[in-house]
C-alpha atoms as a PDB file:
ATOM      1  CA  MET A   1      31.393-120.175 -46.537  1.00  0.00           C
ATOM      2  CA  THR A   2      33.696-123.051 -45.627  1.00  0.00           C
ATOM      3  CA  ILE A   3      31.129-125.623 -46.836  1.00  0.00           C
ATOM      4  CA  ARG A   4      30.716-123.846 -50.177  1.00  0.00           C
ATOM      5  CA  PHE A   5      34.487-123.734 -50.623  1.00  0.00           C
ATOM      6  CA  ALA A   6      34.783-127.439 -49.835  1.00  0.00           C
ATOM      7  CA  ARG A   7      32.061-128.222 -52.336  1.00  0.00           C
ATOM      8  CA  ARG A   8      33.795-126.160 -54.991  1.00  0.00           C
ATOM      9  CA  THR A   9      37.082-127.910 -54.217  1.00  0.00           C
ATOM     10  CA  LEU A  10      35.438-131.326 -54.446  1.00  0.00           C
ATOM     11  CA  ALA A  11      33.710-130.435 -57.722  1.00  0.00           C
ATOM     12  CA  THR A  12      36.986-129.168 -59.123  1.00  0.00           C
ATOM     13  CA  ALA A  13      38.765-132.358 -58.088  1.00  0.00           C
ATOM     14  CA  ILE A  14      36.059-134.532 -59.655  1.00  0.00           C
ATOM     15  CA  GLY A  15      36.146-132.464 -62.835  1.00  0.00           C
ATOM     16  CA  THR A  16      39.915-132.709 -63.021  1.00  0.00           C
ATOM     17  CA  ALA A  17      39.829-136.476 -62.446  1.00  0.00           C
ATOM     18  CA  THR A  18      37.172-136.884 -65.136  1.00  0.00           C
ATOM     19  CA  THR A  19      39.186-134.788 -67.578  1.00  0.00           C
ATOM     20  CA  LEU A  20      42.298-136.812 -66.898  1.00  0.00           C
ATOM     21  CA  ALA A  21      40.400-140.077 -67.313  1.00  0.00           C
ATOM     22  CA  LEU A  22      38.925-138.948 -70.637  1.00  0.00           C
ATOM     23  CA  ALA A  23      42.336-137.714 -71.748  1.00  0.00           C
ATOM     24  CA  GLY A  24      43.762-141.113 -70.848  1.00  0.00           C
ATOM     25  CA  LEU A  25      41.113-142.888 -72.905  1.00  0.00           C
ATOM     26  CA  ALA A  26      41.744-140.532 -75.806  1.00  0.00           C
ATOM     27  CA  PHE A  27      45.469-141.201 -75.560  1.00  0.00           C
ATOM     28  CA  GLN A  28      44.884-144.961 -75.585  1.00  0.00           C
ATOM     29  CA  ALA A  29      42.676-144.622 -78.658  1.00  0.00           C
ATOM     30  CA  GLN A  30      45.321-142.511 -80.390  1.00  0.00           C
ATOM     31  CA  ALA A  31      48.053-144.909 -79.361  1.00  0.00           C
ATOM     32  CA  ALA A  32      46.426-147.893 -81.134  1.00  0.00           C
ATOM     33  CA  THR A  33      48.300-148.627 -84.359  1.00  0.00           C
ATOM     34  CA  GLU A  34      46.123-149.468 -87.353  1.00  0.00           C
ATOM     35  CA  VAL A  35      47.417-152.312 -89.531  1.00  0.00           C
ATOM     36  CA  SER A  36      46.161-152.774 -93.087  1.00  0.00           C
ATOM     37  CA  VAL A  37      45.812-156.314 -94.488  1.00  0.00           C
ATOM     38  CA  GLY A  38      45.334-156.540 -98.238  1.00  0.00           C
ATOM     39  CA  TYR A  39      44.489-159.440-100.545  1.00  0.00           C
ATOM     40  CA  ALA A  40      43.168-159.803-104.077  1.00  0.00           C
ATOM     41  CA  ILE A  41      39.977-161.837-103.648  1.00  0.00           C
ATOM     42  CA  SER A  42      36.756-161.552-101.675  1.00  0.00           C
ATOM     43  CA  SER A  43      36.403-161.447 -97.905  1.00  0.00           C
ATOM     44  CA  ASP A  44      34.454-164.734 -97.918  1.00  0.00           C
ATOM     45  CA  SER A  45      37.424-166.532 -99.506  1.00  0.00           C
ATOM     46  CA  HIS A  46      40.148-168.590 -97.831  1.00  0.00           C
ATOM     47  CA  TYR A  47      42.245-165.399 -97.757  1.00  0.00           C
ATOM     48  CA  GLY A  48      39.390-163.696 -95.931  1.00  0.00           C
ATOM     49  CA  ALA A  49      39.412-166.503 -93.360  1.00  0.00           C
ATOM     50  CA  GLY A  50      43.137-165.962 -92.949  1.00  0.00           C
ATOM     51  CA  SER A  51      42.755-162.207 -92.569  1.00  0.00           C
ATOM     52  CA  ARG A  52      40.083-162.609 -89.898  1.00  0.00           C
ATOM     53  CA  ALA A  53      42.315-165.024 -87.966  1.00  0.00           C
ATOM     54  CA  PHE A  54      45.217-162.562 -88.260  1.00  0.00           C
ATOM     55  CA  LYS A  55      43.045-159.723 -86.946  1.00  0.00           C
ATOM     56  CA  GLU A  56      41.600-161.695 -84.039  1.00  0.00           C
ATOM     57  CA  THR A  57      44.989-163.022 -82.949  1.00  0.00           C
ATOM     58  CA  LEU A  58      46.933-159.759 -83.230  1.00  0.00           C
ATOM     59  CA  GLU A  59      44.292-157.643 -81.518  1.00  0.00           C
ATOM     60  CA  ASP A  60      43.950-160.199 -78.726  1.00  0.00           C
ATOM     61  CA  LEU A  61      47.696-160.618 -78.132  1.00  0.00           C
ATOM     62  CA  SER A  62      48.311-156.872 -78.205  1.00  0.00           C
ATOM     63  CA  ASP A  63      45.278-156.084 -76.010  1.00  0.00           C
ATOM     64  CA  GLY A  64      44.105-153.606 -78.629  1.00  0.00           C
ATOM     65  CA  ALA A  65      47.438-151.862 -79.144  1.00  0.00           C
ATOM     66  CA  PHE A  66      47.139-152.905 -82.810  1.00  0.00           C
ATOM     67  CA  THR A  67      43.882-152.810 -84.743  1.00  0.00           C
ATOM     68  CA  VAL A  68      43.559-154.567 -88.102  1.00  0.00           C
ATOM     69  CA  THR A  69      41.642-153.228 -91.091  1.00  0.00           C
ATOM     70  CA  ASP A  70      40.670-155.691 -93.818  1.00  0.00           C
ATOM     71  CA  HIS A  71      41.139-154.705 -97.503  1.00  0.00           C
ATOM     72  CA  PRO A  72      39.756-157.514 -99.718  1.00  0.00           C
ATOM     73  CA  SER A  73      39.048-157.811-103.451  1.00  0.00           C
ATOM     74  CA  GLY A  74      42.112-155.926-104.618  1.00  0.00           C
ATOM     75  CA  SER A  75      40.991-152.649-103.040  1.00  0.00           C
ATOM     76  CA  LEU A  76      44.695-151.883-102.461  1.00  0.00           C
ATOM     77  CA  GLY A  77      45.625-153.046-105.982  1.00  0.00           C
ATOM     78  CA  GLY A  78      46.603-156.328-107.612  1.00  0.00           C
ATOM     79  CA  GLU A  79      49.038-158.686-105.908  1.00  0.00           C
ATOM     80  CA  ARG A  80      52.128-157.241-107.566  1.00  0.00           C
ATOM     81  CA  ALA A  81      51.061-153.681-106.711  1.00  0.00           C
ATOM     82  CA  MET A  82      50.409-154.649-103.083  1.00  0.00           C
ATOM     83  CA  ILE A  83      53.861-156.245-102.767  1.00  0.00           C
ATOM     84  CA  GLU A  84      55.363-153.028-104.095  1.00  0.00           C
ATOM     85  CA  GLY A  85      53.285-151.205-101.479  1.00  0.00           C
ATOM     86  CA  LEU A  86      54.880-153.322 -98.760  1.00  0.00           C
ATOM     87  CA  GLN A  87      58.343-152.274 -99.905  1.00  0.00           C
ATOM     88  CA  ILE A  88      57.581-148.579 -99.549  1.00  0.00           C
ATOM     89  CA  GLY A  89      55.299-148.864 -96.527  1.00  0.00           C
ATOM     90  CA  THR A  90      51.932-147.902 -98.023  1.00  0.00           C
ATOM     91  CA  VAL A  91      50.603-151.391 -97.182  1.00  0.00           C
ATOM     92  CA  ASP A  92      51.356-153.202 -93.909  1.00  0.00           C
ATOM     93  CA  ILE A  93      50.425-156.868 -94.453  1.00  0.00           C
ATOM     94  CA  VAL A  94      49.572-158.759 -97.648  1.00  0.00           C
ATOM     95  CA  ILE A  95      48.242-162.270 -98.133  1.00  0.00           C
ATOM     96  CA  THR A  96      49.218-163.156-101.685  1.00  0.00           C
ATOM     97  CA  SER A  97      49.764-166.085-103.970  1.00  0.00           C
ATOM     98  CA  SER A  98      53.355-166.915-104.809  1.00  0.00           C
ATOM     99  CA  GLY A  99      52.613-166.041-108.449  1.00  0.00           C
ATOM    100  CA  PRO A 100      54.065-162.514-108.587  1.00  0.00           C
ATOM    101  CA  LEU A 101      56.560-163.171-105.789  1.00  0.00           C
ATOM    102  CA  GLY A 102      59.310-164.458-108.073  1.00  0.00           C
ATOM    103  CA  ASN A 103      59.481-161.035-109.696  1.00  0.00           C
ATOM    104  CA  PHE A 104      60.743-159.748-106.346  1.00  0.00           C
ATOM    105  CA  VAL A 105      62.416-162.827-104.806  1.00  0.00           C
ATOM    106  CA  PRO A 106      63.653-165.069-107.666  1.00  0.00           C
ATOM    107  CA  GLU A 107      64.562-167.900-105.274  1.00  0.00           C
ATOM    108  CA  THR A 108      60.840-168.609-104.845  1.00  0.00           C
ATOM    109  CA  TYR A 109      60.370-169.474-108.519  1.00  0.00           C
ATOM    110  CA  VAL A 110      61.194-173.067-107.579  1.00  0.00           C
ATOM    111  CA  LEU A 111      57.789-173.355-105.866  1.00  0.00           C
ATOM    112  CA  ASP A 112      56.014-172.512-109.132  1.00  0.00           C
ATOM    113  CA  LEU A 113      57.479-175.400-111.114  1.00  0.00           C
ATOM    114  CA  PRO A 114      54.742-177.645-112.498  1.00  0.00           C
ATOM    115  CA  PHE A 115      54.204-181.032-110.862  1.00  0.00           C
ATOM    116  CA  LEU A 116      56.724-180.284-108.106  1.00  0.00           C
ATOM    117  CA  PHE A 117      54.527-181.509-105.257  1.00  0.00           C
ATOM    118  CA  THR A 118      52.305-184.565-105.289  1.00  0.00           C
ATOM    119  CA  SER A 119      50.135-183.919-102.222  1.00  0.00           C
ATOM    120  CA  TYR A 120      49.071-181.299 -99.731  1.00  0.00           C
ATOM    121  CA  GLU A 121      50.879-183.181 -96.990  1.00  0.00           C
ATOM    122  CA  GLN A 122      54.193-183.028 -98.858  1.00  0.00           C
ATOM    123  CA  ALA A 123      53.838-179.343 -99.785  1.00  0.00           C
ATOM    124  CA  ARG A 124      52.887-178.245 -96.286  1.00  0.00           C
ATOM    125  CA  CYS A 125      55.678-180.292 -94.738  1.00  0.00           C
ATOM    126  CA  VAL A 126      58.305-178.681 -96.995  1.00  0.00           C
ATOM    127  CA  LEU A 127      57.023-175.145 -96.478  1.00  0.00           C
ATOM    128  CA  ASP A 128      56.739-175.562 -92.701  1.00  0.00           C
ATOM    129  CA  GLY A 129      60.268-176.936 -92.466  1.00  0.00           C
ATOM    130  CA  GLU A 130      63.822-175.783 -93.038  1.00  0.00           C
ATOM    131  CA  ILE A 131      63.382-175.097 -96.762  1.00  0.00           C
ATOM    132  CA  GLY A 132      60.315-172.957 -96.190  1.00  0.00           C
ATOM    133  CA  GLN A 133      62.069-170.943 -93.482  1.00  0.00           C
ATOM    134  CA  GLU A 134      65.083-170.346 -95.728  1.00  0.00           C
ATOM    135  CA  LEU A 135      62.807-168.945 -98.413  1.00  0.00           C
ATOM    136  CA  LEU A 136      61.002-166.747 -95.873  1.00  0.00           C
ATOM    137  CA  ASP A 137      64.368-165.409 -94.741  1.00  0.00           C
ATOM    138  CA  LYS A 138      65.206-164.513 -98.362  1.00  0.00           C
ATOM    139  CA  MET A 139      62.398-161.940 -98.318  1.00  0.00           C
ATOM    140  CA  GLY A 140      64.557-159.686 -96.167  1.00  0.00           C
ATOM    141  CA  ASP A 141      67.039-159.282 -99.031  1.00  0.00           C
ATOM    142  CA  HIS A 142      64.300-157.658-101.112  1.00  0.00           C
ATOM    143  CA  ASP A 143      62.673-155.157 -98.712  1.00  0.00           C
ATOM    144  CA  LEU A 144      59.994-157.611 -97.595  1.00  0.00           C
ATOM    145  CA  VAL A 145      59.319-159.547 -94.397  1.00  0.00           C
ATOM    146  CA  GLY A 146      58.250-163.179 -94.783  1.00  0.00           C
ATOM    147  CA  LEU A 147      55.949-164.072 -91.877  1.00  0.00           C
ATOM    148  CA  SER A 148      54.515-167.462 -92.871  1.00  0.00           C
ATOM    149  CA  TRP A 149      53.709-169.698 -95.823  1.00  0.00           C
ATOM    150  CA  SER A 150      50.011-170.052 -96.444  1.00  0.00           C
ATOM    151  CA  GLU A 151      48.083-171.797 -99.211  1.00  0.00           C
ATOM    152  CA  ASN A 152      45.955-171.586-102.339  1.00  0.00           C
ATOM    153  CA  GLY A 153      45.947-175.219-103.389  1.00  0.00           C
ATOM    154  CA  PHE A 154      46.531-177.247-106.530  1.00  0.00           C
ATOM    155  CA  ARG A 155      45.718-175.275-109.669  1.00  0.00           C
ATOM    156  CA  HIS A 156      43.263-176.447-112.331  1.00  0.00           C
ATOM    157  CA  ILE A 157      42.198-175.119-115.739  1.00  0.00           C
ATOM    158  CA  THR A 158      38.804-173.635-116.547  1.00  0.00           C
ATOM    159  CA  ASN A 159      37.616-172.334-119.915  1.00  0.00           C
ATOM    160  CA  SER A 160      34.531-171.445-121.903  1.00  0.00           C
ATOM    161  CA  GLN A 161      35.356-173.377-125.087  1.00  0.00           C
ATOM    162  CA  LYS A 162      35.765-177.120-124.541  1.00  0.00           C
ATOM    163  CA  ALA A 163      36.598-179.933-122.158  1.00  0.00           C
ATOM    164  CA  ILE A 164      40.339-180.361-121.522  1.00  0.00           C
ATOM    165  CA  ASP A 165      41.577-183.902-121.096  1.00  0.00           C
ATOM    166  CA  THR A 166      44.977-183.812-122.848  1.00  0.00           C
ATOM    167  CA  PRO A 167      47.612-181.158-123.621  1.00  0.00           C
ATOM    168  CA  GLU A 168      46.306-181.011-127.187  1.00  0.00           C
ATOM    169  CA  ASP A 169      43.030-179.673-125.831  1.00  0.00           C
ATOM    170  CA  VAL A 170      44.841-176.653-124.382  1.00  0.00           C
ATOM    171  CA  ARG A 171      46.478-175.728-127.681  1.00  0.00           C
ATOM    172  CA  GLY A 172      45.350-172.368-129.063  1.00  0.00           C
ATOM    173  CA  LEU A 173      43.404-171.251-125.989  1.00  0.00           C
ATOM    174  CA  LYS A 174      44.005-167.810-124.508  1.00  0.00           C
ATOM    175  CA  ILE A 175      44.654-168.615-120.861  1.00  0.00           C
ATOM    176  CA  ARG A 176      45.027-165.992-118.157  1.00  0.00           C
ATOM    177  CA  THR A 177      48.022-166.720-115.947  1.00  0.00           C
ATOM    178  CA  MET A 178      49.482-164.941-112.983  1.00  0.00           C
ATOM    179  CA  GLU A 179      52.252-162.425-113.599  1.00  0.00           C
ATOM    180  CA  ASN A 180      54.809-165.212-113.326  1.00  0.00           C
ATOM    181  CA  ARG A 181      57.138-166.285-116.108  1.00  0.00           C
ATOM    182  CA  ILE A 182      57.338-169.923-114.928  1.00  0.00           C
ATOM    183  CA  HIS A 183      53.572-170.262-115.315  1.00  0.00           C
ATOM    184  CA  GLN A 184      53.677-168.486-118.665  1.00  0.00           C
ATOM    185  CA  GLN A 185      56.405-170.833-119.940  1.00  0.00           C
ATOM    186  CA  ALA A 186      54.396-173.849-118.813  1.00  0.00           C
ATOM    187  CA  PHE A 187      51.353-172.789-120.832  1.00  0.00           C
ATOM    188  CA  GLU A 188      53.493-171.945-123.823  1.00  0.00           C
ATOM    189  CA  GLY A 189      54.748-175.536-123.595  1.00  0.00           C
ATOM    190  CA  LEU A 190      51.131-176.692-123.691  1.00  0.00           C
ATOM    191  CA  GLY A 191      50.549-174.670-126.854  1.00  0.00           C
ATOM    192  CA  ALA A 192      48.299-172.084-125.230  1.00  0.00           C
ATOM    193  CA  SER A 193      48.536-168.330-125.482  1.00  0.00           C
ATOM    194  CA  PRO A 194      49.289-167.276-121.872  1.00  0.00           C
ATOM    195  CA  THR A 195      48.022-163.846-120.899  1.00  0.00           C
ATOM    196  CA  PRO A 196      49.380-162.468-117.597  1.00  0.00           C
ATOM    197  CA  MET A 197      46.780-160.426-115.784  1.00  0.00           C
ATOM    198  CA  ALA A 198      46.132-159.150-112.251  1.00  0.00           C
ATOM    199  CA  MET A 199      43.392-161.006-110.398  1.00  0.00           C
ATOM    200  CA  PRO A 200      40.995-158.029-110.037  1.00  0.00           C
ATOM    201  CA  GLU A 201      40.841-157.816-113.858  1.00  0.00           C
ATOM    202  CA  LEU A 202      40.119-161.499-114.455  1.00  0.00           C
ATOM    203  CA  PHE A 203      36.336-161.785-114.106  1.00  0.00           C
ATOM    204  CA  THR A 204      35.662-158.991-116.598  1.00  0.00           C
ATOM    205  CA  ALA A 205      38.237-160.384-119.028  1.00  0.00           C
ATOM    206  CA  LEU A 206      36.519-163.779-118.964  1.00  0.00           C
ATOM    207  CA  GLN A 207      33.083-162.192-119.226  1.00  0.00           C
ATOM    208  CA  GLN A 208      34.085-160.147-122.272  1.00  0.00           C
ATOM    209  CA  GLY A 209      36.006-162.985-123.943  1.00  0.00           C
ATOM    210  CA  THR A 210      39.368-161.225-123.734  1.00  0.00           C
ATOM    211  CA  VAL A 211      40.680-164.609-122.580  1.00  0.00           C
ATOM    212  CA  ASP A 212      39.113-168.053-123.028  1.00  0.00           C
ATOM    213  CA  GLY A 213      40.077-169.460-119.681  1.00  0.00           C
ATOM    214  CA  GLN A 214      42.275-169.305-116.632  1.00  0.00           C
ATOM    215  CA  GLU A 215      43.941-171.556-114.055  1.00  0.00           C
ATOM    216  CA  ASN A 216      43.416-171.403-110.316  1.00  0.00           C
ATOM    217  CA  PRO A 217      42.769-173.619-107.308  1.00  0.00           C
ATOM    218  CA  ILE A 218      39.209-174.641-106.464  1.00  0.00           C
ATOM    219  CA  THR A 219      39.278-172.160-103.583  1.00  0.00           C
ATOM    220  CA  VAL A 220      39.761-169.198-105.917  1.00  0.00           C
ATOM    221  CA  ILE A 221      37.359-170.471-108.598  1.00  0.00           C
ATOM    222  CA  VAL A 222      34.645-170.611-105.931  1.00  0.00           C
ATOM    223  CA  ALA A 223      35.521-167.376-104.124  1.00  0.00           C
ATOM    224  CA  ALA A 224      35.803-165.325-107.330  1.00  0.00           C
ATOM    225  CA  ASN A 225      32.514-166.723-108.747  1.00  0.00           C
ATOM    226  CA  LEU A 226      34.323-167.794-111.907  1.00  0.00           C
ATOM    227  CA  TYR A 227      31.647-170.421-112.527  1.00  0.00           C
ATOM    228  CA  GLU A 228      29.445-167.540-113.676  1.00  0.00           C
ATOM    229  CA  VAL A 229      31.689-166.945-116.710  1.00  0.00           C
ATOM    230  CA  GLN A 230      33.295-170.390-117.219  1.00  0.00           C
ATOM    231  CA  ASP A 231      31.531-173.680-117.897  1.00  0.00           C
ATOM    232  CA  GLN A 232      34.419-176.178-118.165  1.00  0.00           C
ATOM    233  CA  LEU A 233      36.648-177.293-115.279  1.00  0.00           C
ATOM    234  CA  SER A 234      39.543-179.716-115.807  1.00  0.00           C
ATOM    235  CA  LEU A 235      41.218-181.079-112.681  1.00  0.00           C
ATOM    236  CA  THR A 236      44.774-180.983-113.995  1.00  0.00           C
ATOM    237  CA  GLY A 237      46.450-180.168-110.654  1.00  0.00           C
ATOM    238  CA  HIS A 238      49.400-178.933-112.684  1.00  0.00           C
ATOM    239  CA  VAL A 239      50.902-176.677-109.985  1.00  0.00           C
ATOM    240  CA  TYR A 240      50.657-176.547-106.220  1.00  0.00           C
ATOM    241  CA  SER A 241      50.114-172.897-105.410  1.00  0.00           C
ATOM    242  CA  PRO A 242      51.332-171.680-102.037  1.00  0.00           C
ATOM    243  CA  ALA A 243      50.376-168.332-100.607  1.00  0.00           C
ATOM    244  CA  ILE A 244      52.433-166.215 -98.274  1.00  0.00           C
ATOM    245  CA  VAL A 245      51.798-163.712 -95.488  1.00  0.00           C
ATOM    246  CA  LEU A 246      54.166-160.794 -96.070  1.00  0.00           C
ATOM    247  CA  GLY A 247      54.876-157.766 -93.917  1.00  0.00           C
ATOM    248  CA  SER A 248      56.288-154.356 -94.688  1.00  0.00           C
ATOM    249  CA  PRO A 249      59.745-153.728 -93.200  1.00  0.00           C
ATOM    250  CA  VAL A 250      58.625-150.133 -92.628  1.00  0.00           C
ATOM    251  CA  LEU A 251      56.232-151.514 -90.001  1.00  0.00           C
ATOM    252  CA  ILE A 252      57.864-154.733 -88.841  1.00  0.00           C
ATOM    253  CA  ASP A 253      61.408-153.391 -88.376  1.00  0.00           C
ATOM    254  CA  GLY A 254      60.095-150.806 -85.925  1.00  0.00           C
ATOM    255  CA  LEU A 255      58.471-153.364 -83.622  1.00  0.00           C
ATOM    256  CA  SER A 256      59.809-154.574 -80.315  1.00  0.00           C
ATOM    257  CA  GLU A 257      60.757-158.238 -79.994  1.00  0.00           C
ATOM    258  CA  GLU A 258      57.481-158.961 -78.197  1.00  0.00           C
ATOM    259  CA  GLU A 259      55.433-157.150 -80.831  1.00  0.00           C
ATOM    260  CA  ARG A 260      57.237-158.992 -83.619  1.00  0.00           C
ATOM    261  CA  GLU A 261      56.266-162.275 -81.958  1.00  0.00           C
ATOM    262  CA  TRP A 262      52.627-161.149 -81.909  1.00  0.00           C
ATOM    263  CA  PHE A 263      52.777-160.619 -85.659  1.00  0.00           C
ATOM    264  CA  ASN A 264      54.420-164.023 -86.185  1.00  0.00           C
ATOM    265  CA  GLU A 265      51.685-165.718 -84.165  1.00  0.00           C
ATOM    266  CA  ALA A 266      48.978-163.828 -86.039  1.00  0.00           C
ATOM    267  CA  ALA A 267      50.504-164.877 -89.374  1.00  0.00           C
ATOM    268  CA  GLN A 268      50.604-168.509 -88.249  1.00  0.00           C
ATOM    269  CA  ALA A 269      46.950-168.278 -87.219  1.00  0.00           C
ATOM    270  CA  ALA A 270      46.168-166.885 -90.679  1.00  0.00           C
ATOM    271  CA  THR A 271      47.961-169.828 -92.291  1.00  0.00           C
ATOM    272  CA  GLU A 272      46.071-172.384 -90.218  1.00  0.00           C
ATOM    273  CA  ALA A 273      42.708-170.782 -90.990  1.00  0.00           C
ATOM    274  CA  THR A 274      43.495-170.519 -94.692  1.00  0.00           C
ATOM    275  CA  ARG A 275      44.627-174.125 -94.972  1.00  0.00           C
ATOM    276  CA  ALA A 276      41.518-175.310 -93.143  1.00  0.00           C
ATOM    277  CA  GLU A 277      39.349-173.496 -95.674  1.00  0.00           C
ATOM    278  CA  VAL A 278      41.373-174.923 -98.582  1.00  0.00           C
ATOM    279  CA  SER A 279      40.909-178.430 -97.194  1.00  0.00           C
ATOM    280  CA  ARG A 280      37.168-177.861 -96.796  1.00  0.00           C
ATOM    281  CA  LEU A 281      36.751-176.620-100.346  1.00  0.00           C
ATOM    282  CA  GLU A 282      38.842-179.443-101.768  1.00  0.00           C
ATOM    283  CA  GLU A 283      36.184-181.726-100.284  1.00  0.00           C
ATOM    284  CA  GLU A 284      33.122-179.664-101.163  1.00  0.00           C
ATOM    285  CA  GLY A 285      34.117-177.207-103.897  1.00  0.00           C
ATOM    286  CA  VAL A 286      33.965-179.442-106.972  1.00  0.00           C
ATOM    287  CA  ALA A 287      30.454-180.602-106.124  1.00  0.00           C
ATOM    288  CA  PHE A 288      29.422-176.977-105.596  1.00  0.00           C
ATOM    289  CA  LEU A 289      30.815-175.981-109.008  1.00  0.00           C
ATOM    290  CA  GLN A 290      28.945-178.843-110.651  1.00  0.00           C
ATOM    291  CA  GLU A 291      25.774-177.634-108.983  1.00  0.00           C
ATOM    292  CA  GLN A 292      26.430-174.218-110.537  1.00  0.00           C
ATOM    293  CA  GLY A 293      26.480-175.821-113.986  1.00  0.00           C
ATOM    294  CA  MET A 294      30.180-176.456-114.620  1.00  0.00           C
ATOM    295  CA  THR A 295      31.182-179.609-116.490  1.00  0.00           C
ATOM    296  CA  VAL A 296      34.048-181.279-114.628  1.00  0.00           C
ATOM    297  CA  THR A 297      36.703-183.379-116.356  1.00  0.00           C
ATOM    298  CA  ASP A 298      38.575-185.512-113.829  1.00  0.00           C
ATOM    299  CA  ASN A 299      40.775-188.633-113.809  1.00  0.00           C
ATOM    300  CA  ILE A 300      43.177-186.824-116.124  1.00  0.00           C
ATOM    301  CA  ASP A 301      46.439-188.632-116.924  1.00  0.00           C
ATOM    302  CA  PRO A 302      49.180-186.245-115.730  1.00  0.00           C
ATOM    303  CA  ALA A 303      52.006-187.900-117.714  1.00  0.00           C
ATOM    304  CA  PRO A 304      51.387-186.120-121.058  1.00  0.00           C
ATOM    305  CA  PHE A 305      51.099-182.779-119.258  1.00  0.00           C
ATOM    306  CA  GLN A 306      54.342-183.444-117.369  1.00  0.00           C
ATOM    307  CA  GLU A 307      56.107-184.272-120.624  1.00  0.00           C
ATOM    308  CA  ALA A 308      54.791-181.118-122.292  1.00  0.00           C
ATOM    309  CA  VAL A 309      56.251-178.852-119.587  1.00  0.00           C
ATOM    310  CA  GLU A 310      59.619-180.586-119.092  1.00  0.00           C
ATOM    311  CA  ALA A 311      61.399-177.646-120.726  1.00  0.00           C
ATOM    312  CA  VAL A 312      60.297-175.382-117.884  1.00  0.00           C
ATOM    313  CA  HIS A 313      62.290-177.472-115.393  1.00  0.00           C
ATOM    314  CA  ALA A 314      65.314-177.488-117.703  1.00  0.00           C
ATOM    315  CA  ASP A 315      65.219-173.722-118.156  1.00  0.00           C
ATOM    316  CA  PHE A 316      64.871-173.194-114.413  1.00  0.00           C
ATOM    317  CA  ILE A 317      67.882-175.405-113.671  1.00  0.00           C
ATOM    318  CA  GLU A 318      69.950-173.639-116.326  1.00  0.00           C
ATOM    319  CA  GLN A 319      69.273-170.264-114.744  1.00  0.00           C
ATOM    320  CA  TYR A 320      69.117-171.074-111.020  1.00  0.00           C
ATOM    321  CA  GLY A 321      70.773-174.470-110.629  1.00  0.00           C
ATOM    322  CA  ASP A 322      69.156-177.563-109.190  1.00  0.00           C
ATOM    323  CA  GLU A 323      70.209-177.409-105.516  1.00  0.00           C
ATOM    324  CA  MET A 324      66.893-176.206-104.071  1.00  0.00           C
ATOM    325  CA  LEU A 325      64.884-178.301-106.516  1.00  0.00           C
ATOM    326  CA  GLU A 326      66.741-181.458-105.541  1.00  0.00           C
ATOM    327  CA  ARG A 327      66.419-180.654-101.842  1.00  0.00           C
ATOM    328  CA  ILE A 328      62.654-180.456-102.270  1.00  0.00           C
ATOM    329  CA  ARG A 329      62.529-183.630-104.341  1.00  0.00           C
ATOM    330  CA  ASN A 330      64.671-185.513-101.829  1.00  0.00           C
ATOM    331  CA  SER A 331      62.976-184.137 -98.730  1.00  0.00           C
ATOM    332  CA  SER A 332      61.834-186.694 -96.191  1.00  0.00           C
ATOM    333  CA  CYS A 333      58.356-185.122 -96.300  1.00  0.00           C
END
């Protein structure tokens, strides 16, 4: 009788311990916070490389307390819609071009001015320094959290009509631009018909002839398979296009100081991975596009293009002043 009682007691204890252990595992699983990361192009793009680095870093630093879910190809909407999602908390993290950002944070329009930067080294130095941090801090005034500056690269023009070597060649073309008035003004100055459009709509618009061409860095032209619907590439390098890793204040403001640092480190890892992919494609991307049948026009004289868009700089200065512009121009970078 005593032995049977002891066995029952032992079995009960083991069962209780097992139940508690399983309950503990269930609690840990429930306690993990899922973080959504959205971006407008494919997962095999430079943004995808950045998202994977963000995921790996955050999940490692947090020991699984945060899990990251990737949302590529505009599955959470276009860039402007995703930024709006950050403000209300329906999206947690977005990797986006700076194109639509000026609609929310006007101070960042300065980065979209044509021919502002002359090299990747200069652009990265400015964005990683005091000026870049000031602009990240400005995000907080507009219900956004700026985590780090990332990168798209220097933008070039593609089209399905003709080779572009001078501003006159752009005249009359319907060119898709980002939803950014600085970019639209620049193409108006070139005599084109700028057509703002969200990135997820672009391929179909080019395929159907709604627009003749578009402008993007080599990274995006490759990642979005635009060579399938465009046969002319002109290496104008008319704008350096940064990207940015943004967070939702609904998520970020509720983090502890340690958790916030995890997110900052993950964003920096995303930036490093993205820039590495941009650098790789700057070396290899043009040759790849030629192999896909694109005709490449290079060695373009930038001076006539710079002259054609001078009014954009004047209009910017009239509206926003020239302090930030001059600080960038006079930076030691």
